N, C-alpha and C. Protein backbone atom coordinates (compact mmCIF):
# COMPACT_ATOMS: atom_id res chain seq x y z
N MET A 1 1.18 23.06 32.90
CA MET A 1 1.99 21.85 32.55
C MET A 1 1.93 21.67 31.04
N ASP A 2 1.39 22.64 30.23
CA ASP A 2 1.41 22.40 28.76
C ASP A 2 2.80 22.24 28.24
N TRP A 3 3.69 22.98 28.78
CA TRP A 3 5.12 22.85 28.23
C TRP A 3 5.69 21.50 28.43
N LEU A 4 5.32 20.84 29.59
CA LEU A 4 5.77 19.44 29.81
C LEU A 4 5.16 18.49 28.77
N ILE A 5 3.89 18.62 28.48
CA ILE A 5 3.25 17.77 27.48
C ILE A 5 3.76 18.01 26.09
N TRP A 6 3.93 19.28 25.65
CA TRP A 6 4.42 19.57 24.35
C TRP A 6 5.90 19.26 24.21
N GLY A 7 6.67 19.52 25.27
CA GLY A 7 8.18 19.16 25.24
C GLY A 7 8.27 17.64 25.20
N GLY A 8 7.52 16.94 25.97
CA GLY A 8 7.54 15.48 25.80
C GLY A 8 7.12 14.93 24.51
N ALA A 9 6.19 15.61 23.86
CA ALA A 9 5.77 15.06 22.60
C ALA A 9 6.82 15.37 21.54
N VAL A 10 7.53 16.49 21.62
CA VAL A 10 8.70 16.75 20.71
C VAL A 10 9.81 15.73 20.96
N VAL A 11 10.13 15.43 22.24
CA VAL A 11 11.14 14.50 22.52
C VAL A 11 10.74 13.11 22.05
N SER A 12 9.54 12.69 22.26
CA SER A 12 8.99 11.40 21.80
C SER A 12 9.04 11.26 20.30
N PHE A 13 8.70 12.39 19.63
CA PHE A 13 8.74 12.40 18.15
C PHE A 13 10.12 12.22 17.67
N ALA A 14 11.10 12.81 18.34
CA ALA A 14 12.49 12.76 17.94
C ALA A 14 13.00 11.31 18.09
N GLY A 15 12.58 10.66 19.11
CA GLY A 15 12.92 9.23 19.34
C GLY A 15 12.25 8.35 18.30
N LEU A 16 10.98 8.67 17.98
CA LEU A 16 10.40 7.90 16.95
C LEU A 16 10.98 8.03 15.59
N ALA A 17 11.50 9.33 15.28
CA ALA A 17 12.19 9.47 14.07
C ALA A 17 13.47 8.71 13.99
N GLY A 18 14.15 8.66 15.16
CA GLY A 18 15.37 7.84 15.25
C GLY A 18 15.14 6.41 15.03
N LEU A 19 13.98 5.91 15.55
CA LEU A 19 13.73 4.45 15.34
C LEU A 19 13.42 4.23 13.90
N VAL A 20 12.65 5.12 13.23
CA VAL A 20 12.37 4.90 11.81
C VAL A 20 13.63 4.96 11.04
N TRP A 21 14.59 5.93 11.39
CA TRP A 21 15.84 5.99 10.65
C TRP A 21 16.66 4.68 10.79
N CYS A 22 16.67 4.12 12.02
CA CYS A 22 17.38 2.87 12.13
C CYS A 22 16.79 1.80 11.31
N ILE A 23 15.43 1.66 11.30
CA ILE A 23 14.78 0.60 10.54
C ILE A 23 15.16 0.82 9.08
N ALA A 24 15.09 2.00 8.56
CA ALA A 24 15.37 2.30 7.16
C ALA A 24 16.78 1.98 6.87
N ARG A 25 17.74 2.23 7.74
CA ARG A 25 19.12 2.03 7.49
C ARG A 25 19.38 0.54 7.32
N VAL A 26 18.85 -0.28 8.20
CA VAL A 26 19.04 -1.73 8.13
C VAL A 26 18.30 -2.26 6.91
N TRP A 27 17.16 -1.78 6.66
CA TRP A 27 16.31 -2.30 5.43
C TRP A 27 17.17 -2.03 4.18
N ARG A 28 17.70 -0.92 4.07
CA ARG A 28 18.51 -0.45 2.88
C ARG A 28 19.71 -1.49 2.79
N ALA A 29 20.39 -1.71 3.95
CA ALA A 29 21.54 -2.58 3.93
C ALA A 29 21.13 -4.01 3.46
N ARG A 30 19.93 -4.46 3.82
CA ARG A 30 19.51 -5.76 3.50
C ARG A 30 19.27 -5.89 2.02
N GLY A 31 18.86 -4.73 1.37
CA GLY A 31 18.58 -4.80 -0.01
C GLY A 31 19.81 -4.62 -0.89
N GLN A 32 20.96 -4.41 -0.31
CA GLN A 32 22.21 -4.20 -1.08
C GLN A 32 22.99 -5.51 -1.36
N ASN A 33 22.47 -6.63 -0.99
CA ASN A 33 23.14 -7.84 -1.17
C ASN A 33 24.59 -7.87 -0.64
N LEU A 34 24.74 -7.47 0.59
CA LEU A 34 25.98 -7.43 1.21
C LEU A 34 26.35 -8.81 1.70
N SER A 35 27.61 -9.04 2.12
CA SER A 35 27.97 -10.30 2.65
C SER A 35 27.35 -10.37 4.06
N ASP A 36 27.38 -11.54 4.63
CA ASP A 36 26.75 -11.81 5.96
C ASP A 36 27.49 -10.94 7.06
N GLU A 37 28.82 -10.98 6.97
CA GLU A 37 29.67 -10.24 7.92
C GLU A 37 29.43 -8.70 7.75
N GLU A 38 29.34 -8.20 6.57
CA GLU A 38 29.09 -6.74 6.45
C GLU A 38 27.69 -6.33 6.94
N LEU A 39 26.70 -7.17 6.71
CA LEU A 39 25.38 -6.86 7.24
C LEU A 39 25.38 -6.96 8.71
N ARG A 40 26.11 -7.96 9.28
CA ARG A 40 26.17 -8.02 10.83
C ARG A 40 26.78 -6.77 11.38
N ASP A 41 27.84 -6.33 10.62
CA ASP A 41 28.58 -5.09 11.19
C ASP A 41 27.58 -3.92 11.12
N ILE A 42 26.83 -3.71 10.14
CA ILE A 42 25.95 -2.66 10.09
C ILE A 42 24.84 -2.73 11.20
N VAL A 43 24.29 -3.93 11.35
CA VAL A 43 23.29 -4.11 12.37
C VAL A 43 23.91 -3.95 13.81
N ARG A 44 25.19 -4.40 13.92
CA ARG A 44 25.93 -4.17 15.22
C ARG A 44 26.02 -2.75 15.52
N LYS A 45 26.32 -1.86 14.56
CA LYS A 45 26.45 -0.46 14.74
C LYS A 45 25.09 0.26 14.99
N MET A 46 24.07 -0.31 14.55
CA MET A 46 22.72 0.32 14.66
C MET A 46 22.06 -0.01 15.96
N VAL A 47 22.47 -1.13 16.68
CA VAL A 47 21.80 -1.57 17.90
C VAL A 47 21.85 -0.44 18.96
N PRO A 48 23.04 0.19 19.29
CA PRO A 48 23.09 1.20 20.22
C PRO A 48 22.20 2.48 19.90
N LEU A 49 22.24 2.84 18.58
CA LEU A 49 21.46 3.96 18.19
C LEU A 49 20.00 3.71 18.33
N ASN A 50 19.57 2.45 18.00
CA ASN A 50 18.23 2.05 18.13
C ASN A 50 17.76 2.07 19.62
N LEU A 51 18.61 1.58 20.53
CA LEU A 51 18.23 1.63 21.91
C LEU A 51 18.18 3.01 22.38
N GLY A 52 19.10 3.92 22.00
CA GLY A 52 19.04 5.19 22.36
C GLY A 52 17.77 5.99 21.89
N ALA A 53 17.41 5.74 20.66
CA ALA A 53 16.16 6.34 20.12
C ALA A 53 14.96 5.79 20.89
N LEU A 54 14.98 4.51 21.21
CA LEU A 54 13.84 3.91 22.03
C LEU A 54 13.74 4.60 23.36
N MET A 55 14.92 4.82 24.06
CA MET A 55 14.96 5.40 25.33
C MET A 55 14.45 6.83 25.25
N LEU A 56 14.89 7.54 24.21
CA LEU A 56 14.43 8.99 24.04
C LEU A 56 12.87 8.99 23.85
N SER A 57 12.34 8.06 23.14
CA SER A 57 10.96 8.00 22.86
C SER A 57 10.22 7.69 24.17
N VAL A 58 10.73 6.79 25.06
CA VAL A 58 10.07 6.49 26.31
C VAL A 58 10.12 7.63 27.27
N ILE A 59 11.30 8.27 27.28
CA ILE A 59 11.34 9.46 28.18
C ILE A 59 10.42 10.57 27.78
N GLY A 60 10.25 10.80 26.51
CA GLY A 60 9.25 11.72 26.01
C GLY A 60 7.83 11.36 26.43
N LEU A 61 7.47 10.09 26.25
CA LEU A 61 6.13 9.61 26.65
C LEU A 61 5.90 9.75 28.11
N MET A 62 6.97 9.53 28.94
CA MET A 62 6.85 9.67 30.35
C MET A 62 6.57 11.09 30.71
N ALA A 63 7.31 12.01 29.97
CA ALA A 63 7.03 13.45 30.24
C ALA A 63 5.58 13.85 29.88
N VAL A 64 5.07 13.34 28.80
CA VAL A 64 3.67 13.64 28.41
C VAL A 64 2.75 13.17 29.50
N ILE A 65 2.91 11.92 29.94
CA ILE A 65 2.03 11.38 31.08
C ILE A 65 2.13 12.19 32.26
N MET A 66 3.36 12.58 32.72
CA MET A 66 3.47 13.35 33.84
C MET A 66 2.85 14.84 33.69
N GLY A 67 2.97 15.35 32.51
CA GLY A 67 2.23 16.60 32.30
C GLY A 67 0.72 16.45 32.33
N ILE A 68 0.22 15.37 31.92
CA ILE A 68 -1.25 15.10 31.99
C ILE A 68 -1.62 14.98 33.40
N PHE A 69 -0.87 14.13 34.17
CA PHE A 69 -1.24 13.95 35.56
C PHE A 69 -1.16 15.16 36.38
N LEU A 70 -0.07 15.96 36.18
CA LEU A 70 0.14 17.20 37.02
C LEU A 70 -0.72 18.40 36.53
N GLY A 71 -1.23 18.31 35.29
CA GLY A 71 -2.02 19.37 34.73
C GLY A 71 -3.43 19.19 34.98
């Protein structure tokens, strides 16, 4: 079950990288002194990507836990 643990770790890391990217993107947008509507538009676009990255991270962690339980 090592492949499940390592595969889950890779998937979880990819999700974590996506979360960090979403945070950095919104942080940069806040620092650009955009109008309120432009900032809302950027945040609105990032929400689905943020949720997808979070789901990917959770699925990876579930795979790691299943690999530990089954191994």
